[in-house]
Each structure stands twice: as C-alpha cells, then as structure tokens.
Amino acid sequence: MGNSKTGEHSAASATNLTEHFDVLIVGAGISGIGGAYHLQDQCPDKSFAVLEAQDSFGGTWRTHKYPGIRSDSDLYTFGYRFKPWTSAPIATAAEITKYMGEVIEENELASHIRYGHAISSASWSTEEKMWLLSVTVSDSNEQLNFSCNFLWMCQGYYRHSEGYTPSWPGVQDFQGDIIHPQTWPENFDYSGKKVVVIGSGATAATLIPAMAEKCSHITMLQRSPTYFATGRNAIEVADMLRELEIPEEWVHEIVRKKILLEQEKIAQMSREHPELVKAELFKGIKQFLPDDYDIDQHFTPSYRPWHQRIAFVPDGDLFKRIADGTASVVTDEIQTFQSNGILLKSGDVLEADVIITATGFNLNVLGDIDFDIDSEPLNFSESITYRGAMFTGIPNMAWVFGYFRASWTLRADLIGDFVCRLLNHMEETGSSVAVPRLREEDKSMKLLPWVDPEDFNPGYLQRSVHLLPQQGDTDPWRHAQDYWTEKDLLPIADLDDGALSFR
C-alpha cells in the first residue's frame, strides 16, 4: 500500500501505471490546502494527494494579479480556524499566499501536492468501487492516470482561465486596451492614462484606489450601485489582547467569535430591519464624501442589504479617491464602445485609454471536468444535494462550496471535519462506498434551486444556476448557506439516518 508519509502507491492498468490513493483532493487553493490539513490530522492512515492545475498553490490569490488585490473578508474568519491570523484583518493576496505557504510548510504538506496536473475526466466504477482520473501534466504534456477511493473537489466555483465579459456593441472600434482583472497583463503601465472600470463590486472597489494615484483619472462606470461597508483595517479587541500579551491562538479565537457574532446580527438585521442597516452603511460612506455628493444616485442599490455580497472598503480608500477628485463614479448604461471610449445611453461620452471589465466571472461546475458514473455522463444539475456537500447518485465525492455572507473558509473547515468523519465512519463500518439517495419520505419534497434567488442573486449565479444541483426544502437535502446554523448541525449530522447509502 505504499508509505503513509508520501501516501502513494501504484497499480497496473491495461495501458500504463495508475497511481492510487485513498483520497484525491482537487485544487490547492484555500479549500484544498485546508482539506489536506484536516485529512492528515483526522485520518492519519489515509493516503492522499492534491492535484493542482496551476504551477503553485493559492487558487484565487494566485490567479488574480490586478493592482491592489486583497480580501473582501476579514482574515480572522477567512483564515483557517487551526492557524491564527496575526496581521490586519483585510489582507493582500501576497499576505494570504504567504499564510497558506506557512500551513503547507508547518504541516509538511508539500510532498502531497502535484502542481501542473490538470484533470480532464473523472470516471466512477461501481465494480471497482473507485474513481479513475485522466490527468495531463502541463510541463511535459504527459498523460497520467490516478485512481482513488474518495474524491474531494476543492477547486472553487469559477473558471480561472477567463472572466465573464458581457457582449457590448462597438468593442472592436475601441483603440485602447481592454483588460479583464482576472487576466491582468504583467507589468502593464497605466501611468497618466484615462481609465474606466466597468463594474461596482469588490474588484472595482479594490482596483480604483490602487490605480488612482498613477492614472490621469479613473472612473467607475456602473449600471446599478452596490452596497459598501467602511471601517478601519484594524480590530481594536485584537490590538488590546496583543498588548496584554495574550497568546495568538486565543486572540484568533476570541476575535473570530466576536466577528462572527457581529456578522450574524447584521445578517439578521438586514432581513428584519433593512432600512436601519442601509442607513448605517450610508453613514459610513458619507463621512468620506462631500456633503453635496449624490449618494442616492451612485450608492443606493435597488435591493436590500445582503441580497448580494457587501464589499468592505478598508479605511474608506475608494471614497477618499472620489473625494479628492482622482476617481469618479458614473451611473449609466453603455450604448456602444467607440474609438476614444464609451458612449453612454444618456448621450455622454466617457473618454478612455484603458477599459477594465470588472464584470465578474464564469461559474464552473466541478472544475469543468468530464464526469461519468459507470460510463454514463453525469448531469450534475439533475442531482440533489446532501447537506450542500454531496450529491444524489454520485458515490464517494464531496464538493466544497463556501458561504456568500460569511467567509468561504468557514465552510471549508466544516466540510473538512464532515468528510473526515464520514471516511472514519466508513472505515469503522467496513463500508467502501457512500452515496446519497432519497429515502421514500423524501421523494415528495419540493425541489428548489441550488441557491434561493430571493435570498441571494448575484449575476454569476443567475447566469449559471441551471448548471448546478437542486436542493430540497428539508434537511438533509438543503444547501443552507447559513454558517450560524451549520456550525452546530453539521458536526452532529446523523450519518446513519438512511440518506446516505453505504455498501
């Protein structure tokens, strides 16, 4: 079976050697590195490998290289629960990848990770009770086969190779540069240029203050406003505890609990008293802007707070740039691109040398890998989720899909615990296969979209929700998207209630 330290051994196949592991983790981003830690910690006898298509770890924080790239979640909750975060709560991509690198080094995970390994297909064999993966090594174009008993999908939920760009008329007429933040050109010089950023989400709010000083001017062009929260990029409780020389593990846990309690209250207030939350958010913005600035037009969304994600603007940097005149906001729609910029539906022209399309990303389903079950192509959208982590008819597979209103990593940690508990349960009961199946009493339940559009409706989900699994209206078939419920329920979820079929 090979040595448990490197976790690898080989089995012969008809054509070439197939490397076999108890568990294969797909992706070396925040979810995959966390999954590897939990697996090594909670299932020490399981052999495993992490397959990563890119040439290093980091996922999102490696792909995105645009100016100012930073988190829009605090690192006390976006960081892992098992490794204290010791710096400012909003962190740069470089700081986050350094933190992840420390997790890899401190836990000796590097030997388990295979970089430049792109998976093209994953096939489940009921007869052999395992997954077979076809993999291409990017450096050599070599084709490899891997097999595993359990497949842990940690590849995130958007396509790293290209972002989402709407189709606009006249794009070919524009004489300047058009750039999507997800594929930012190396060493791109925008000094002294007129820049238009299309979009008003967290990416735009990050780019604009980072670029404003070098541009001749930068404009955020939005079709509709977004909610922003402002605050210091510091947490007073953390600073006080450190001054008292409290151990970092305690600081991390105390601050984490404080933030999560505050987030729970804000989410609840957003549902029950949206106007109060809106007023508080506007109060934060107004402190940075001139008294006569048109908040109603440029920063008042048509939806209630938290219907879409609220971007945090540390130290109000976006609004400071608007106030000092180096940046501006235009709320309008695009009529057409033209040689010197964008003609708006109002008739105004936004002149530009550079147009940045901060218009979101393309959702990908299971890493754009071709899945089949016993040679039958998998239609993922026909499956029903079990606890937002596994899916009916798909054996021995879990997918990490994080939270929208709380940090992604909170759910990555919870699912890490769940997968390890499931693997240990299977070991104890002598089961080699676990697959969610509707029980008789579940077959009449109402089926709903993967995410309730009345609860959360960003563009990337609206465009692609038809590709995603369904959920039921009762547990364990719901995709709750509620950390404050799941943190208590998932650790004690009954694995023997009949919803999981073992054999």
Protein backbone atom coordinates (compact mmCIF):
# COMPACT_ATOMS: atom_id res chain seq x y z
CA MET A 1 0.00 0.00 0.00
CA GLY A 2 2.99 2.36 -0.04
CA ASN A 3 4.24 4.53 2.74
CA SER A 4 1.72 6.67 4.57
CA LYS A 5 4.06 9.66 4.68
CA THR A 6 4.03 10.33 0.94
CA GLY A 7 0.76 8.47 0.63
CA GLU A 8 1.32 6.94 -2.77
CA HIS A 9 1.39 3.52 -4.34
CA SER A 10 0.80 2.18 -7.80
CA ALA A 11 -1.43 -0.35 -9.50
CA ALA A 12 -1.04 -1.63 -13.05
CA SER A 13 -3.67 -0.79 -15.65
CA ALA A 14 -4.07 -2.06 -19.18
CA THR A 15 -2.12 0.80 -20.72
CA ASN A 16 0.15 2.39 -18.15
CA LEU A 17 0.74 2.79 -14.46
CA THR A 18 -2.11 4.19 -12.37
CA GLU A 19 -1.19 5.84 -9.10
CA HIS A 20 -3.73 5.04 -6.41
CA PHE A 21 -4.63 6.98 -3.25
CA ASP A 22 -7.32 6.60 -0.64
CA VAL A 23 -8.30 10.23 -1.25
CA LEU A 24 -7.57 12.68 -4.05
CA ILE A 25 -8.10 16.39 -3.38
CA VAL A 26 -8.69 18.56 -6.44
CA GLY A 27 -7.21 22.05 -6.10
CA ALA A 28 -4.51 23.64 -3.93
CA GLY A 29 -6.39 26.83 -3.10
CA ILE A 30 -7.79 27.80 0.29
CA SER A 31 -10.17 24.79 0.33
CA GLY A 32 -7.70 22.18 -0.90
CA ILE A 33 -4.87 23.13 1.46
CA GLY A 34 -7.36 23.16 4.33
CA GLY A 35 -8.73 19.77 3.25
CA ALA A 36 -5.21 18.31 3.15
CA TYR A 37 -4.56 19.58 6.69
CA HIS A 38 -7.80 18.10 8.05
CA LEU A 39 -7.25 14.78 6.29
CA GLN A 40 -3.72 14.42 7.63
CA ASP A 41 -4.85 15.46 11.11
CA GLN A 42 -8.09 13.47 11.41
CA CYS A 43 -7.46 10.49 9.09
CA PRO A 44 -3.69 9.96 9.51
CA ASP A 45 -3.72 6.47 7.97
CA LYS A 46 -5.32 7.60 4.69
CA SER A 47 -3.01 8.06 1.70
CA PHE A 48 -3.77 11.20 -0.30
CA ALA A 49 -2.57 13.62 -2.95
CA VAL A 50 -3.61 17.11 -4.01
CA LEU A 51 -3.85 17.67 -7.78
CA GLU A 52 -3.48 21.32 -8.82
CA ALA A 53 -3.69 22.55 -12.43
CA GLN A 54 -1.64 25.72 -11.77
CA ASP A 55 2.10 25.70 -11.12
CA SER A 56 1.78 26.60 -7.45
CA PHE A 57 -0.72 26.83 -4.60
CA GLY A 58 -3.04 29.75 -3.92
CA GLY A 59 -6.00 29.40 -6.28
CA THR A 60 -7.78 32.75 -6.49
CA TRP A 61 -4.91 34.50 -4.75
CA ARG A 62 -2.50 33.26 -7.40
CA THR A 63 -4.76 33.77 -10.44
CA HIS A 64 -5.68 37.36 -9.66
CA LYS A 65 -2.77 39.76 -10.13
CA TYR A 66 -4.54 43.08 -10.65
CA PRO A 67 -3.42 46.18 -8.71
CA GLY A 68 -4.36 46.19 -5.04
CA ILE A 69 -5.72 42.62 -4.98
CA ARG A 70 -6.94 41.97 -1.43
CA SER A 71 -9.51 40.03 0.55
CA ASP A 72 -13.03 41.35 0.99
CA SER A 73 -13.47 39.13 4.07
CA ASP A 74 -11.60 39.57 7.32
CA LEU A 75 -8.75 37.10 7.73
CA TYR A 76 -9.78 36.10 11.23
CA THR A 77 -12.67 34.22 9.62
CA PHE A 78 -11.21 33.76 6.12
CA GLY A 79 -8.11 32.28 7.73
CA TYR A 80 -8.27 28.68 8.91
CA ARG A 81 -9.57 28.00 12.40
CA PHE A 82 -6.40 25.99 13.13
CA LYS A 83 -3.84 28.69 12.27
CA PRO A 84 -4.01 32.13 13.90
CA TRP A 85 -4.05 35.23 11.72
CA THR A 86 -1.74 37.86 13.18
CA SER A 87 -1.93 40.87 10.82
CA ALA A 88 -4.52 43.42 9.66
CA PRO A 89 -7.94 41.86 9.01
CA ILE A 90 -8.10 42.84 5.32
CA ALA A 91 -5.06 41.31 3.65
CA THR A 92 -3.30 41.45 0.29
CA ALA A 93 -3.04 38.43 -1.99
CA ALA A 94 0.67 38.20 -1.15
CA GLU A 95 -0.09 38.07 2.58
CA ILE A 96 -2.73 35.38 2.06
CA THR A 97 -0.48 33.17 -0.08
CA LYS A 98 2.32 33.59 2.49
CA TYR A 99 -0.11 32.38 5.18
CA MET A 100 -1.12 29.37 3.04
CA GLY A 101 2.54 28.61 2.37
CA GLU A 102 3.15 28.51 6.11
CA VAL A 103 0.30 26.00 6.51
CA ILE A 104 1.93 23.79 3.85
CA GLU A 105 5.39 24.07 5.43
CA GLU A 106 4.35 23.71 9.08
CA ASN A 107 2.33 20.57 8.31
CA GLU A 108 4.70 19.04 5.74
CA LEU A 109 2.03 19.01 3.02
CA ALA A 110 4.32 19.87 0.09
CA SER A 111 5.15 16.22 -0.69
CA HIS A 112 1.44 15.52 -1.22
CA ILE A 113 0.82 18.27 -3.81
CA ARG A 114 1.22 17.70 -7.56
CA TYR A 115 1.37 21.01 -9.43
CA GLY A 116 0.65 21.39 -13.14
CA HIS A 117 -1.73 18.41 -13.02
CA ALA A 118 -4.89 19.27 -14.98
CA ILE A 119 -7.73 16.75 -14.72
CA SER A 120 -9.70 16.17 -17.92
CA SER A 121 -12.04 13.36 -16.82
CA ALA A 122 -13.20 11.51 -13.72
CA SER A 123 -14.95 8.15 -14.04
CA TRP A 124 -16.58 6.18 -11.25
CA SER A 125 -16.55 2.39 -11.46
CA THR A 126 -19.14 0.63 -9.31
CA GLU A 127 -17.41 -2.68 -9.98
CA GLU A 128 -14.01 -1.43 -8.76
CA LYS A 129 -15.50 0.97 -6.18
CA MET A 130 -13.16 3.78 -7.14
CA TRP A 131 -12.64 6.86 -9.26
CA LEU A 132 -10.27 6.90 -12.22
CA LEU A 133 -8.91 10.31 -13.24
CA SER A 134 -7.21 11.24 -16.52
CA VAL A 135 -4.58 13.93 -15.92
CA THR A 136 -2.32 16.00 -18.17
CA VAL A 137 0.98 17.29 -16.81
CA SER A 138 1.32 20.84 -18.14
CA ASP A 139 5.15 20.95 -18.43
CA SER A 140 5.54 17.74 -20.43
CA ASN A 141 2.03 17.15 -21.81
CA GLU A 142 2.37 13.67 -20.32
CA GLN A 143 -0.89 11.80 -19.78
CA LEU A 144 -1.26 10.17 -16.36
CA ASN A 145 -3.89 8.08 -14.64
CA PHE A 146 -4.80 8.37 -10.98
CA SER A 147 -7.33 6.36 -9.01
CA CYS A 148 -8.84 6.93 -5.58
CA ASN A 149 -11.49 5.63 -3.26
CA PHE A 150 -12.80 9.12 -2.43
CA LEU A 151 -12.73 12.32 -4.47
CA TRP A 152 -12.71 15.69 -2.68
CA MET A 153 -13.47 18.59 -5.01
CA CYS A 154 -11.83 21.77 -3.66
CA GLN A 155 -11.40 23.63 -6.95
CA GLY A 156 -13.74 26.51 -6.13
CA TYR A 157 -16.58 27.58 -8.35
CA TYR A 158 -15.30 29.87 -11.09
CA ARG A 159 -13.22 29.39 -14.22
CA HIS A 160 -9.65 30.59 -13.60
CA SER A 161 -8.73 30.81 -17.30
CA GLU A 162 -11.14 33.62 -18.23
CA GLY A 163 -13.50 36.04 -16.51
CA TYR A 164 -17.01 36.98 -17.57
CA THR A 165 -17.24 39.84 -20.07
CA PRO A 166 -20.64 40.86 -21.49
CA SER A 167 -21.02 41.42 -25.22
CA TRP A 168 -21.12 45.14 -25.99
CA PRO A 169 -21.57 46.81 -29.40
CA GLY A 170 -18.57 48.57 -30.92
CA VAL A 171 -15.91 46.86 -28.81
CA GLN A 172 -13.78 46.32 -31.90
CA ASP A 173 -13.75 50.09 -32.54
CA PHE A 174 -12.04 51.00 -29.26
CA GLN A 175 -8.41 52.00 -29.86
CA GLY A 176 -7.12 51.47 -26.32
CA ASP A 177 -6.59 48.45 -24.04
CA ILE A 178 -9.47 46.31 -22.76
CA ILE A 179 -8.50 44.21 -19.75
CA HIS A 180 -10.37 41.78 -17.52
CA PRO A 181 -8.91 41.85 -13.98
CA GLN A 182 -8.69 38.06 -13.94
CA THR A 183 -6.13 38.11 -16.77
CA TRP A 184 -4.16 41.22 -15.84
CA PRO A 185 -1.12 41.74 -18.13
CA GLU A 186 2.25 41.53 -16.42
CA ASN A 187 3.96 44.91 -15.91
CA PHE A 188 1.07 46.81 -17.51
CA ASP A 189 1.78 50.56 -17.36
CA TYR A 190 -1.28 52.76 -16.88
CA SER A 191 0.62 55.89 -15.79
CA GLY A 192 -1.05 59.10 -16.94
CA LYS A 193 -3.88 57.24 -18.69
CA LYS A 194 -7.63 57.77 -18.53
CA VAL A 195 -9.10 54.57 -17.13
CA VAL A 196 -12.72 53.38 -17.00
CA VAL A 197 -13.58 50.45 -14.74
CA ILE A 198 -16.87 48.79 -15.71
CA GLY A 199 -18.46 47.28 -12.61
CA SER A 200 -19.11 48.20 -9.00
CA GLY A 201 -18.28 45.13 -6.92
CA ALA A 202 -15.35 44.29 -4.66
CA THR A 203 -12.91 44.11 -7.60
CA ALA A 204 -13.74 47.63 -8.80
CA ALA A 205 -13.58 48.93 -5.22
CA THR A 206 -10.09 47.43 -4.92
CA LEU A 207 -8.72 48.48 -8.31
CA ILE A 208 -9.77 52.12 -8.22
CA PRO A 209 -7.93 53.30 -5.09
CA ALA A 210 -4.90 51.19 -6.04
CA MET A 211 -4.66 52.75 -9.53
CA ALA A 212 -5.90 56.30 -8.87
CA GLU A 213 -2.57 57.87 -7.98
CA LYS A 214 -0.84 56.88 -11.25
CA CYS A 215 -3.76 57.42 -13.66
CA SER A 216 -4.65 60.81 -15.05
CA HIS A 217 -8.18 59.90 -13.91
CA ILE A 218 -10.12 56.71 -13.15
CA THR A 219 -13.89 56.30 -13.41
CA MET A 220 -16.14 53.58 -12.02
CA LEU A 221 -18.92 53.03 -14.56
CA GLN A 222 -21.81 51.14 -13.03
CA ARG A 223 -25.21 50.17 -14.34
CA SER A 224 -26.50 49.96 -10.77
CA PRO A 225 -24.97 50.67 -7.34
CA THR A 226 -23.55 48.22 -4.81
CA TYR A 227 -23.59 48.34 -1.01
CA PHE A 228 -20.23 49.05 0.61
CA ALA A 229 -19.19 48.87 4.24
CA THR A 230 -16.36 51.04 5.55
CA GLY A 231 -14.16 50.74 8.60
CA ARG A 232 -10.61 50.74 9.87
CA ASN A 233 -8.39 47.94 8.66
CA ALA A 234 -7.76 47.02 12.26
CA ILE A 235 -9.62 45.33 15.12
CA GLU A 236 -9.34 47.09 18.45
CA VAL A 237 -10.00 43.96 20.51
CA ALA A 238 -7.14 42.16 18.73
CA ASP A 239 -4.78 45.07 19.35
CA MET A 240 -5.76 45.20 23.02
CA LEU A 241 -5.31 41.46 23.54
CA ARG A 242 -1.87 41.57 21.93
CA GLU A 243 -0.91 44.49 24.15
CA LEU A 244 -1.84 42.26 27.09
CA GLU A 245 0.43 39.56 25.58
CA ILE A 246 -2.41 37.08 25.19
CA PRO A 247 -1.29 34.03 23.11
CA GLU A 248 -2.07 34.38 19.38
CA GLU A 249 -4.24 31.22 19.42
CA TRP A 250 -6.51 32.89 21.98
CA VAL A 251 -6.52 36.21 20.12
CA HIS A 252 -7.51 34.42 16.91
CA GLU A 253 -10.37 32.53 18.55
CA ILE A 254 -11.73 35.47 20.56
CA VAL A 255 -11.65 37.88 17.60
CA ARG A 256 -13.10 35.22 15.30
CA LYS A 257 -16.05 34.67 17.65
CA LYS A 258 -16.58 38.43 18.00
CA ILE A 259 -16.67 38.97 14.23
CA LEU A 260 -18.97 36.01 13.63
CA LEU A 261 -21.42 37.22 16.28
CA GLU A 262 -21.46 40.69 14.70
CA GLN A 263 -21.95 39.21 11.21
CA GLU A 264 -24.85 37.09 12.44
CA LYS A 265 -26.54 40.16 13.92
CA ILE A 266 -26.01 42.18 10.71
CA ALA A 267 -27.44 39.40 8.53
CA GLN A 268 -30.47 39.17 10.80
CA MET A 269 -30.91 42.95 10.86
CA SER A 270 -30.65 43.05 7.06
CA ARG A 271 -33.65 40.73 6.84
CA GLU A 272 -35.73 42.27 9.62
CA HIS A 273 -34.75 45.96 9.50
CA PRO A 274 -33.12 46.60 6.11
CA GLU A 275 -33.63 50.39 6.27
CA LEU A 276 -31.65 50.63 9.52
CA VAL A 277 -28.76 48.64 8.03
CA LYS A 278 -28.88 50.76 4.87
CA ALA A 279 -28.73 53.96 6.92
CA GLU A 280 -25.71 52.68 8.87
CA LEU A 281 -23.88 51.72 5.65
CA PHE A 282 -24.58 55.16 4.14
CA LYS A 283 -23.36 56.83 7.33
CA GLY A 284 -20.00 55.09 6.83
CA ILE A 285 -19.76 56.32 3.23
CA LYS A 286 -20.89 59.90 3.90
CA GLN A 287 -18.06 60.57 6.35
CA PHE A 288 -15.61 60.46 3.42
CA LEU A 289 -17.60 62.27 0.71
CA PRO A 290 -18.53 65.95 0.24
CA ASP A 291 -21.88 66.96 1.76
CA ASP A 292 -23.43 67.57 -1.67
CA TYR A 293 -22.36 64.21 -3.15
CA ASP A 294 -25.28 62.31 -4.74
CA ILE A 295 -25.40 59.20 -2.55
CA ASP A 296 -28.91 58.34 -3.81
CA GLN A 297 -27.81 58.05 -7.42
CA HIS A 298 -24.41 56.39 -7.03
CA PHE A 299 -24.54 54.33 -3.84
CA THR A 300 -28.18 53.35 -3.26
CA PRO A 301 -28.90 49.85 -4.66
CA SER A 302 -32.38 48.73 -5.63
CA TYR A 303 -32.19 45.65 -3.38
CA ARG A 304 -31.96 45.25 0.39
CA PRO A 305 -28.59 44.88 2.12
CA TRP A 306 -27.05 41.39 1.87
CA HIS A 307 -29.22 40.37 -1.08
CA GLN A 308 -25.82 40.44 -2.73
CA ARG A 309 -22.44 40.39 -1.03
CA ILE A 310 -21.41 43.63 0.71
CA ALA A 311 -17.87 44.69 -0.17
CA PHE A 312 -15.73 46.06 2.66
CA VAL A 313 -13.71 49.19 1.85
CA PRO A 314 -10.86 49.40 4.38
CA ASP A 315 -10.24 52.90 5.70
CA GLY A 316 -12.68 54.24 3.09
CA ASP A 317 -9.92 54.30 0.46
CA LEU A 318 -12.33 54.21 -2.53
CA PHE A 319 -14.34 57.15 -1.18
CA LYS A 320 -11.22 59.15 -0.33
CA ARG A 321 -10.17 58.93 -4.01
CA ILE A 322 -13.63 60.09 -5.10
CA ALA A 323 -13.48 62.97 -2.63
CA ASP A 324 -10.04 64.16 -3.78
CA GLY A 325 -11.10 64.05 -7.45
CA THR A 326 -8.68 61.38 -8.69
CA ALA A 327 -11.63 59.00 -9.14
CA SER A 328 -15.29 59.42 -10.01
CA VAL A 329 -18.46 57.37 -10.33
CA VAL A 330 -20.83 57.35 -13.30
CA THR A 331 -24.15 55.52 -13.02
CA ASP A 332 -25.40 54.90 -16.55
CA GLU A 333 -25.66 52.21 -19.22
CA ILE A 334 -23.43 51.53 -22.21
CA GLN A 335 -24.80 52.45 -25.61
CA THR A 336 -21.68 51.45 -27.56
CA PHE A 337 -17.91 51.45 -27.42
CA GLN A 338 -16.24 53.88 -29.79
CA SER A 339 -12.64 54.64 -30.75
CA ASN A 340 -11.98 57.03 -27.85
CA GLY A 341 -14.08 55.42 -25.10
CA ILE A 342 -17.72 54.63 -24.29
CA LEU A 343 -20.89 56.33 -25.48
CA LEU A 344 -23.49 56.11 -22.69
CA LYS A 345 -27.25 55.87 -23.08
CA SER A 346 -27.53 59.34 -21.55
CA GLY A 347 -25.57 60.66 -24.56
CA ASP A 348 -22.43 61.40 -22.53
CA VAL A 349 -19.06 60.05 -23.65
CA LEU A 350 -16.55 58.56 -21.22
CA GLU A 351 -13.15 59.02 -22.80
CA ALA A 352 -10.67 56.24 -22.02
CA ASP A 353 -7.23 54.92 -22.87
CA VAL A 354 -7.86 51.77 -20.83
CA ILE A 355 -11.15 49.99 -20.13
CA ILE A 356 -11.20 47.40 -17.33
CA THR A 357 -14.09 44.95 -17.37
CA ALA A 358 -14.61 44.18 -13.68
CA THR A 359 -17.79 42.39 -14.68
CA GLY A 360 -17.49 39.15 -12.74
CA PHE A 361 -16.53 35.61 -13.51
CA ASN A 362 -17.77 32.48 -15.23
CA LEU A 363 -19.03 29.86 -12.82
CA ASN A 364 -17.58 26.46 -13.47
CA VAL A 365 -19.14 23.21 -12.37
CA LEU A 366 -16.88 20.60 -10.81
CA GLY A 367 -13.80 22.17 -12.35
CA ASP A 368 -15.05 21.74 -15.94
CA ILE A 369 -14.04 18.08 -15.63
CA ASP A 370 -15.94 15.47 -17.65
CA PHE A 371 -17.58 13.22 -15.06
CA ASP A 372 -19.20 9.88 -15.70
CA ILE A 373 -20.70 7.20 -13.49
CA ASP A 374 -20.22 3.70 -14.93
CA SER A 375 -19.64 5.20 -18.40
CA GLU A 376 -22.83 7.31 -18.25
CA PRO A 377 -22.10 11.07 -18.50
CA LEU A 378 -23.00 12.88 -15.28
CA ASN A 379 -25.73 15.53 -15.49
CA PHE A 380 -24.87 17.40 -12.30
CA SER A 381 -27.97 19.61 -12.49
CA GLU A 382 -30.23 16.58 -12.09
CA SER A 383 -28.72 15.66 -8.74
CA ILE A 384 -29.99 16.83 -5.35
CA THR A 385 -27.52 17.97 -2.76
CA TYR A 386 -26.97 16.25 0.57
CA ARG A 387 -26.04 18.93 3.14
CA GLY A 388 -24.61 21.14 0.37
CA ALA A 389 -21.57 18.86 0.17
CA MET A 390 -22.50 15.55 -1.52
CA PHE A 391 -24.99 14.72 -4.29
CA THR A 392 -27.55 12.04 -5.05
CA GLY A 393 -26.27 9.31 -7.33
CA ILE A 394 -22.61 10.41 -7.05
CA PRO A 395 -20.63 7.98 -4.88
CA ASN A 396 -17.66 8.89 -2.69
CA MET A 397 -17.44 12.53 -3.68
CA ALA A 398 -17.69 15.82 -1.77
CA TRP A 399 -17.54 19.39 -3.10
CA VAL A 400 -16.55 22.41 -1.03
CA PHE A 401 -18.83 25.36 -1.79
CA GLY A 402 -18.36 28.16 0.72
CA TYR A 403 -20.59 30.87 2.14
CA PHE A 404 -21.77 34.04 0.44
CA ARG A 405 -22.46 36.06 3.62
CA ALA A 406 -19.59 34.71 5.64
CA SER A 407 -16.04 33.70 4.81
CA TRP A 408 -15.58 30.83 2.37
CA THR A 409 -13.09 29.12 4.67
CA LEU A 410 -15.61 28.73 7.48
CA ARG A 411 -17.44 26.18 5.37
CA ALA A 412 -14.22 24.64 4.03
CA ASP A 413 -13.28 23.86 7.65
CA LEU A 414 -16.75 22.47 8.44
CA ILE A 415 -16.80 20.25 5.35
CA GLY A 416 -13.26 19.17 6.16
CA ASP A 417 -14.48 17.86 9.50
CA PHE A 418 -17.52 16.25 7.87
CA VAL A 419 -15.55 14.44 5.15
CA CYS A 420 -13.04 13.12 7.69
CA ARG A 421 -15.85 11.95 9.98
CA LEU A 422 -17.51 10.22 7.02
CA LEU A 423 -14.26 8.50 5.99
CA ASN A 424 -13.66 7.30 9.55
CA HIS A 425 -17.28 6.10 9.80
CA MET A 426 -16.86 4.12 6.58
CA GLU A 427 -13.66 2.59 7.95
CA GLU A 428 -15.35 1.62 11.22
CA THR A 429 -18.38 0.06 9.49
CA GLY A 430 -16.38 -1.69 6.77
CA SER A 431 -18.06 0.34 4.01
CA SER A 432 -16.22 1.22 0.82
CA VAL A 433 -18.98 3.28 -0.84
CA ALA A 434 -21.19 6.11 0.43
CA VAL A 435 -23.75 7.67 -1.89
CA PRO A 436 -26.68 9.99 -1.05
CA ARG A 437 -30.07 8.57 -2.07
CA LEU A 438 -33.54 9.94 -1.46
CA ARG A 439 -35.47 7.94 1.10
CA GLU A 440 -39.11 7.09 0.49
CA GLU A 441 -40.25 10.00 2.68
CA ASP A 442 -38.04 12.42 0.70
CA LYS A 443 -39.39 11.68 -2.76
CA SER A 444 -42.36 14.04 -2.50
CA MET A 445 -40.41 17.04 -1.13
CA LYS A 446 -40.33 20.29 -3.07
CA LEU A 447 -37.17 20.83 -5.14
CA LEU A 448 -35.54 24.25 -5.21
CA PRO A 449 -32.56 25.90 -6.95
CA TRP A 450 -29.06 25.45 -5.51
CA VAL A 451 -29.38 28.99 -4.11
CA ASP A 452 -32.70 30.74 -3.44
CA PRO A 453 -32.72 33.76 -5.84
CA GLU A 454 -34.97 35.65 -3.41
CA ASP A 455 -32.27 35.30 -0.79
CA PHE A 456 -29.10 35.86 -2.85
CA ASN A 457 -28.89 36.74 -6.54
CA PRO A 458 -25.51 37.89 -7.92
CA GLY A 459 -25.12 37.85 -11.70
CA TYR A 460 -22.80 34.83 -11.92
CA LEU A 461 -25.40 32.67 -10.15
CA GLN A 462 -28.30 33.97 -12.21
CA ARG A 463 -26.36 33.16 -15.40
CA SER A 464 -25.41 29.62 -14.38
CA VAL A 465 -27.78 28.31 -11.70
CA HIS A 466 -29.29 25.92 -14.27
CA LEU A 467 -25.95 24.03 -14.31
CA LEU A 468 -25.95 23.43 -10.56
CA PRO A 469 -27.64 20.75 -8.44
CA GLN A 470 -31.00 21.23 -6.82
CA GLN A 471 -31.80 21.29 -3.13
CA GLY A 472 -34.81 20.10 -1.19
CA ASP A 473 -36.90 22.04 1.30
CA THR A 474 -35.98 19.85 4.28
CA ASP A 475 -32.77 18.58 5.83
CA PRO A 476 -30.52 16.84 4.96
CA TRP A 477 -31.27 17.92 1.38
CA ARG A 478 -30.84 21.67 1.88
CA HIS A 479 -27.91 23.87 0.88
CA ALA A 480 -28.40 26.14 3.86
CA GLN A 481 -25.78 28.85 3.16
CA ASP A 482 -26.05 29.69 6.86
CA TYR A 483 -22.87 29.27 8.89
CA TRP A 484 -24.59 30.01 12.19
CA THR A 485 -26.92 27.01 11.72
CA GLU A 486 -24.43 24.66 10.09
CA LYS A 487 -21.69 25.16 12.69
CA ASP A 488 -23.96 23.38 15.21
CA LEU A 489 -25.74 20.90 12.93
CA LEU A 490 -23.05 19.61 10.56
CA PRO A 491 -20.71 18.25 13.27
CA ILE A 492 -23.52 16.10 14.71
CA ALA A 493 -25.28 15.18 11.44
CA ASP A 494 -26.52 11.59 11.66
CA LEU A 495 -24.65 9.54 9.04
CA ASP A 496 -26.97 6.56 9.59
CA ASP A 497 -30.35 8.21 9.04
CA GLY A 498 -30.76 6.43 5.68
CA ALA A 499 -29.99 9.43 3.48
CA LEU A 500 -26.51 8.01 2.85
CA SER A 501 -26.46 4.54 1.35
CA PHE A 502 -23.40 2.52 2.45
CA ARG A 503 -22.04 -0.66 0.98
